[in-house]
C-alpha cells in the first residue's frame, strides 16, 4: 500500500467534513473491495474516512410495509435478522450467500451498493424489490441508482445512510456462484410487489438491471414455466474467462426460474 491518512469520525456530518477536506479521500465502509485494490497498488487515496464508529448507520428496523437497513450493517446481521427472515426471507438468503464468513462479518450493505460491483449480490435485491437508497442529501429510487460498471448516482460528498426495502408479497433469489470467490456470475432476484412483479439481475451486465419481458410474463402467471422460453439478449453482457456473454444470458433464464420456484 501507499501512505495514507486514516480518519474515524463519529458522525455522518463529521465524515463529510473530513472527506471534503482531503485531496483525494475515500469512504471506507467495510473495505472488501477498496483495501484489496490498495494492496494491489491499483488505488492510492490520500485519506480513508472510516464509517465504522458511526452507530447511527447500523441496525435494522421493520414495520408493516418496509425493512430499513442502516448502511453500515454487515451482511451477517442482515442474514441473521429475525425481522428480515420474517419480512423478506429471500433477502436473508441472499445475504447469507455472500462471500465467506470473513466477508459477511466485515462487508456492509451500503458499501456493496455504493461500489456497484457487477457481480455483487445486493444490487439484484435493490432492483428486484424497488428499494430506496437514502443518503445524507436525498432519497434515490432503485431504478435510478445503478448507472454502469462501478458507477452509481452518488455525487461527490454523498454517502449512503440507509436502504429501505418494501416488503413484497413473495420473493426469491438464486445465483450461479463463481467457485473461488462465490461472487455471482449471474444472480436473479424476483419479487411480486404491491406495484407489480420485478426481476433484478446481477453479474450478467456491467451493473444490475431489470428484465421487463420476464416481469410481464410473471405478472400473468407467477411460475417458472411462464418464463422458461424467454430468450435474454446477450448484447452488452459481461464476458470473461468464467463465461461468455451468451452463457450468462442463458444463466439469467435459469436463475430466474430457480428464483421464482424459491419465492415465498
Protein backbone atom coordinates (compact mmCIF):
# COMPACT_ATOMS: atom_id res chain seq x y z
CA UNK A 1 0.00 0.00 0.00
CA UNK A 2 0.90 3.64 -0.41
CA UNK A 3 0.90 6.00 2.58
CA UNK A 4 -2.47 7.48 3.52
CA UNK A 5 -4.16 9.25 6.42
CA UNK A 6 -6.77 7.35 8.42
CA UNK A 7 -9.83 9.05 9.96
CA UNK A 8 -12.57 7.57 12.15
CA UNK A 9 -15.34 10.18 12.51
CA UNK A 10 -18.19 9.80 14.99
CA UNK A 11 -20.98 11.21 12.81
CA UNK A 12 -22.00 11.45 9.17
CA UNK A 13 -21.55 15.22 9.24
CA UNK A 14 -18.00 14.81 10.57
CA UNK A 15 -17.29 12.19 7.90
CA UNK A 16 -18.42 14.51 5.10
CA UNK A 17 -16.49 17.43 6.55
CA UNK A 18 -13.35 15.29 6.79
CA UNK A 19 -13.80 13.89 3.30
CA UNK A 20 -14.25 17.35 1.81
CA UNK A 21 -11.02 18.45 3.44
CA UNK A 22 -8.90 15.80 1.72
CA UNK A 23 -7.15 15.96 -1.62
CA UNK A 24 -8.29 12.51 -2.76
CA UNK A 25 -10.08 10.86 0.15
CA UNK A 26 -12.28 7.76 0.00
CA UNK A 27 -15.04 6.49 2.25
CA UNK A 28 -14.28 3.17 3.97
CA UNK A 29 -17.45 1.20 4.73
CA UNK A 30 -16.20 -2.35 5.07
CA UNK A 31 -13.32 -2.24 2.64
CA UNK A 32 -13.96 -5.56 0.89
CA UNK A 33 -13.07 -4.01 -2.47
CA UNK A 34 -11.15 -0.85 -1.61
CA UNK A 35 -8.50 -2.40 0.66
CA UNK A 36 -7.54 -5.23 -1.75
CA UNK A 37 -7.37 -2.67 -4.54
CA UNK A 38 -4.99 -0.55 -2.44
CA UNK A 39 -2.88 -3.60 -1.59
CA UNK A 40 -2.51 -4.29 -5.29
CA UNK A 41 -1.45 -0.64 -5.76
CA UNK A 42 -4.33 -0.02 -8.11
CA UNK A 43 -5.68 2.78 -5.91
CA UNK A 44 -3.85 5.31 -3.77
CA UNK A 45 -6.30 7.58 -1.91
CA UNK A 46 -4.76 10.33 0.19
CA UNK A 47 -7.13 9.59 3.08
CA UNK A 48 -9.51 6.90 4.27
CA UNK A 49 -12.60 8.07 6.14
CA UNK A 50 -13.85 5.03 8.08
CA UNK A 51 -17.58 4.99 8.91
CA UNK A 52 -17.30 2.08 11.37
CA UNK A 53 -17.67 4.23 14.51
CA UNK A 54 -20.95 5.84 13.41
CA UNK A 55 -23.55 3.86 15.36
CA UNK A 56 -26.44 5.64 13.64
CA UNK A 57 -25.51 3.89 10.37
CA UNK A 58 -26.05 0.39 11.80
CA UNK A 59 -29.20 -1.54 12.55
CA UNK A 60 -32.39 -2.98 11.08
CA UNK A 61 -35.91 -1.64 11.59
CA UNK A 62 -39.04 -3.28 10.24
CA UNK A 63 -42.67 -2.21 10.17
CA UNK A 64 -45.75 -3.49 8.39
CA UNK A 65 -44.62 -2.22 4.98
CA UNK A 66 -40.82 -1.89 4.89
CA UNK A 67 -37.48 -3.08 6.19
CA UNK A 68 -34.95 -0.29 6.68
CA UNK A 69 -31.29 -1.31 6.96
CA UNK A 70 -28.52 1.04 8.04
CA UNK A 71 -25.70 1.38 5.55
CA UNK A 72 -23.02 0.04 7.92
CA UNK A 73 -24.98 -3.11 8.77
CA UNK A 74 -22.83 -6.13 7.89
CA UNK A 75 -24.05 -8.94 5.67
CA UNK A 76 -24.15 -11.47 8.52
CA UNK A 77 -26.50 -9.28 10.56
CA UNK A 78 -28.86 -8.95 7.59
CA UNK A 79 -28.80 -12.71 7.13
CA UNK A 80 -29.35 -13.46 10.83
CA UNK A 81 -32.01 -10.82 11.48
CA UNK A 82 -35.33 -12.27 12.61
CA UNK A 83 -37.10 -9.24 11.15
CA UNK A 84 -35.55 -9.79 7.72
CA UNK A 85 -36.25 -13.54 7.79
CA UNK A 86 -39.90 -12.87 8.60
CA UNK A 87 -40.50 -9.97 6.22
CA UNK A 88 -38.24 -10.77 3.24
CA UNK A 89 -36.79 -14.32 3.55
CA UNK A 90 -35.12 -14.02 0.14
CA UNK A 91 -33.05 -11.07 1.35
CA UNK A 92 -31.80 -13.15 4.29
CA UNK A 93 -30.88 -15.95 1.88
CA UNK A 94 -29.04 -13.51 -0.37
CA UNK A 95 -27.01 -12.01 2.50
CA UNK A 96 -26.11 -15.46 3.82
CA UNK A 97 -24.61 -16.46 0.48
CA UNK A 98 -22.24 -13.53 0.09
CA UNK A 99 -18.56 -14.44 0.02
CA UNK A 100 -17.17 -16.26 3.06
CA UNK A 101 -17.61 -15.74 6.84
CA UNK A 102 -14.95 -13.00 6.98
CA UNK A 103 -16.62 -11.06 4.17
CA UNK A 104 -20.06 -11.50 5.73
CA UNK A 105 -18.84 -10.17 9.09
CA UNK A 106 -16.94 -7.18 7.63
CA UNK A 107 -18.68 -6.20 4.41
CA UNK A 108 -21.62 -3.80 4.62
CA UNK A 109 -24.79 -3.35 2.64
CA UNK A 110 -24.06 0.32 2.00
CA UNK A 111 -20.53 -0.38 0.81
CA UNK A 112 -21.73 -3.09 -1.55
CA UNK A 113 -24.42 -0.93 -3.10
CA UNK A 114 -22.19 2.15 -3.40
CA UNK A 115 -19.46 0.10 -5.09
CA UNK A 116 -21.83 -1.29 -7.75
CA UNK A 117 -19.59 -4.25 -8.48
CA UNK A 118 -21.11 -6.03 -11.49
CA UNK A 119 -21.13 -9.35 -9.59
CA UNK A 120 -22.31 -8.14 -6.16
CA UNK A 121 -25.48 -9.71 -4.75
CA UNK A 122 -27.27 -6.79 -3.09
CA UNK A 123 -27.86 -4.77 -6.28
CA UNK A 124 -30.15 -7.55 -7.53
CA UNK A 125 -32.30 -7.20 -4.39
CA UNK A 126 -32.28 -3.41 -4.57
CA UNK A 127 -33.55 -3.55 -8.14
CA UNK A 128 -35.80 -6.57 -7.62
CA UNK A 129 -37.60 -5.08 -4.61
CA UNK A 130 -37.64 -1.49 -5.81
CA UNK A 131 -35.72 -0.27 -2.77
CA UNK A 132 -34.99 3.33 -1.86
CA UNK A 133 -31.39 4.37 -1.16
CA UNK A 134 -31.17 7.16 1.41
CA UNK A 135 -28.08 9.36 1.53
CA UNK A 136 -27.06 12.36 3.60
CA UNK A 137 -28.65 14.52 0.89
CA UNK A 138 -31.67 12.74 -0.63
CA UNK A 139 -33.61 9.56 -1.40
CA UNK A 140 -32.78 7.72 -4.63
CA UNK A 141 -35.08 5.17 -6.27
CA UNK A 142 -33.52 1.84 -7.16
CA UNK A 143 -34.20 2.25 -10.88
CA UNK A 144 -32.19 5.50 -10.91
CA UNK A 145 -29.26 4.39 -8.79
CA UNK A 146 -27.05 1.97 -10.76
CA UNK A 147 -25.53 3.67 -13.79
CA UNK A 148 -22.79 1.34 -15.04
CA UNK A 149 -19.65 -0.57 -14.10
CA UNK A 150 -18.72 0.66 -10.59
CA UNK A 151 -20.86 3.72 -11.32
CA UNK A 152 -23.87 4.97 -9.37
CA UNK A 153 -25.98 8.11 -8.99
CA UNK A 154 -23.97 9.14 -5.91
CA UNK A 155 -22.44 12.58 -6.18
CA UNK A 156 -19.18 13.81 -4.59
CA UNK A 157 -19.68 14.24 -0.85
CA UNK A 158 -22.75 11.97 -0.84
CA UNK A 159 -22.84 8.97 1.49
CA UNK A 160 -25.43 6.21 1.76
CA UNK A 161 -27.02 6.17 5.21
CA UNK A 162 -29.73 3.51 4.80
CA UNK A 163 -31.59 1.30 2.35
CA UNK A 164 -35.35 0.77 2.64
CA UNK A 165 -36.89 -2.35 1.10
CA UNK A 166 -40.66 -2.60 0.55
CA UNK A 167 -41.97 -5.90 1.89
CA UNK A 168 -43.11 -8.00 -1.10
CA UNK A 169 -45.95 -10.49 -1.34
CA UNK A 170 -43.26 -13.07 -2.13
CA UNK A 171 -39.71 -13.07 -3.41
CA UNK A 172 -36.86 -15.42 -4.28
CA UNK A 173 -33.16 -15.20 -5.11
CA UNK A 174 -30.91 -17.61 -6.96
CA UNK A 175 -27.35 -17.23 -8.16
CA UNK A 176 -24.72 -19.18 -10.04
CA UNK A 177 -21.56 -18.74 -7.99
CA UNK A 178 -18.04 -18.31 -9.27
CA UNK A 179 -16.46 -21.28 -7.44
CA UNK A 180 -13.47 -19.47 -5.92
CA UNK A 181 -14.87 -16.08 -4.95
CA UNK A 182 -18.56 -17.00 -4.56
CA UNK A 183 -19.40 -13.83 -6.43
CA UNK A 184 -22.46 -14.09 -8.65
CA UNK A 185 -21.61 -14.96 -12.22
CA UNK A 186 -25.32 -14.38 -12.53
CA UNK A 187 -27.83 -13.75 -9.77
CA UNK A 188 -31.55 -13.07 -10.16
CA UNK A 189 -33.93 -11.63 -7.56
CA UNK A 190 -37.62 -12.00 -8.39
CA UNK A 191 -40.31 -10.27 -6.34
CA UNK A 192 -44.06 -9.89 -6.51
CA UNK A 193 -44.57 -6.44 -5.01
CA UNK A 194 -47.56 -4.21 -4.37
CA UNK A 195 -46.72 -2.34 -7.58
CA UNK A 196 -46.13 -5.42 -9.73
CA UNK A 197 -43.53 -8.08 -10.46
CA UNK A 198 -39.87 -7.04 -10.60
CA UNK A 199 -36.88 -9.05 -11.82
CA UNK A 200 -33.43 -7.78 -10.80
CA UNK A 201 -30.30 -9.26 -12.37
CA UNK A 202 -26.69 -9.01 -11.22
CA UNK A 203 -23.50 -10.50 -12.62
CA UNK A 204 -24.67 -10.59 -16.20
CA UNK A 205 -24.15 -6.98 -17.23
CA UNK A 206 -21.98 -4.00 -16.27
CA UNK A 207 -24.44 -3.26 -13.44
CA UNK A 208 -27.72 -4.54 -12.06
CA UNK A 209 -30.74 -4.25 -14.34
CA UNK A 210 -34.33 -5.42 -14.85
CA UNK A 211 -35.79 -7.88 -17.38
CA UNK A 212 -39.14 -6.49 -18.47
CA UNK A 213 -40.12 -9.48 -20.61
CA UNK A 214 -39.92 -11.71 -17.55
CA UNK A 215 -41.78 -9.22 -15.41
CA UNK A 216 -44.64 -9.08 -17.90
CA UNK A 217 -44.85 -12.86 -18.16
CA UNK A 218 -44.73 -13.39 -14.39
CA UNK A 219 -47.41 -10.75 -13.83
CA UNK A 220 -49.79 -13.00 -15.76
CA UNK A 221 -48.56 -16.30 -14.34
CA UNK A 222 -46.10 -16.33 -11.44
CA UNK A 223 -44.43 -19.65 -12.26
CA UNK A 224 -41.12 -20.88 -13.62
CA UNK A 225 -42.91 -22.25 -16.69
CA UNK A 226 -44.07 -18.75 -17.61
CA UNK A 227 -40.51 -17.60 -18.30
CA UNK A 228 -38.70 -20.76 -19.36
CA UNK A 229 -38.86 -19.90 -23.07
CA UNK A 230 -37.86 -16.24 -22.76
CA UNK A 231 -34.60 -15.57 -24.54
CA UNK A 232 -32.41 -12.99 -22.83
CA UNK A 233 -30.31 -10.96 -25.31
CA UNK A 234 -26.56 -11.34 -24.85
CA UNK A 235 -25.69 -7.97 -26.37
CA UNK A 236 -23.69 -5.90 -23.91
CA UNK A 237 -23.43 -8.63 -21.29
CA UNK A 238 -20.19 -9.47 -19.49
CA UNK A 239 -17.73 -11.97 -20.95
CA UNK A 240 -14.58 -13.28 -19.27
CA UNK A 241 -12.63 -16.48 -18.61
CA UNK A 242 -15.51 -17.78 -16.48
CA UNK A 243 -18.24 -17.44 -19.08
CA UNK A 244 -19.24 -15.85 -22.36
CA UNK A 245 -21.98 -13.28 -22.79
CA UNK A 246 -24.17 -15.97 -24.35
CA UNK A 247 -23.59 -18.27 -21.36
CA UNK A 248 -24.53 -15.51 -18.94
CA UNK A 249 -27.68 -14.76 -20.94
CA UNK A 250 -28.63 -18.41 -20.59
CA UNK A 251 -27.93 -18.31 -16.85
CA UNK A 252 -30.25 -15.33 -16.39
CA UNK A 253 -33.14 -17.50 -17.54
CA UNK A 254 -32.07 -20.49 -15.45
CA UNK A 255 -31.53 -18.47 -12.28
CA UNK A 256 -34.78 -16.59 -12.79
CA UNK A 257 -36.70 -19.86 -12.94
CA UNK A 258 -35.00 -21.03 -9.75
CA UNK A 259 -35.72 -17.72 -8.02
CA UNK A 260 -39.42 -18.00 -8.91
CA UNK A 261 -39.52 -21.57 -7.65
CA UNK A 262 -37.89 -20.47 -4.38
CA UNK A 263 -40.13 -17.44 -3.86
CA UNK A 264 -42.08 -17.28 -0.62
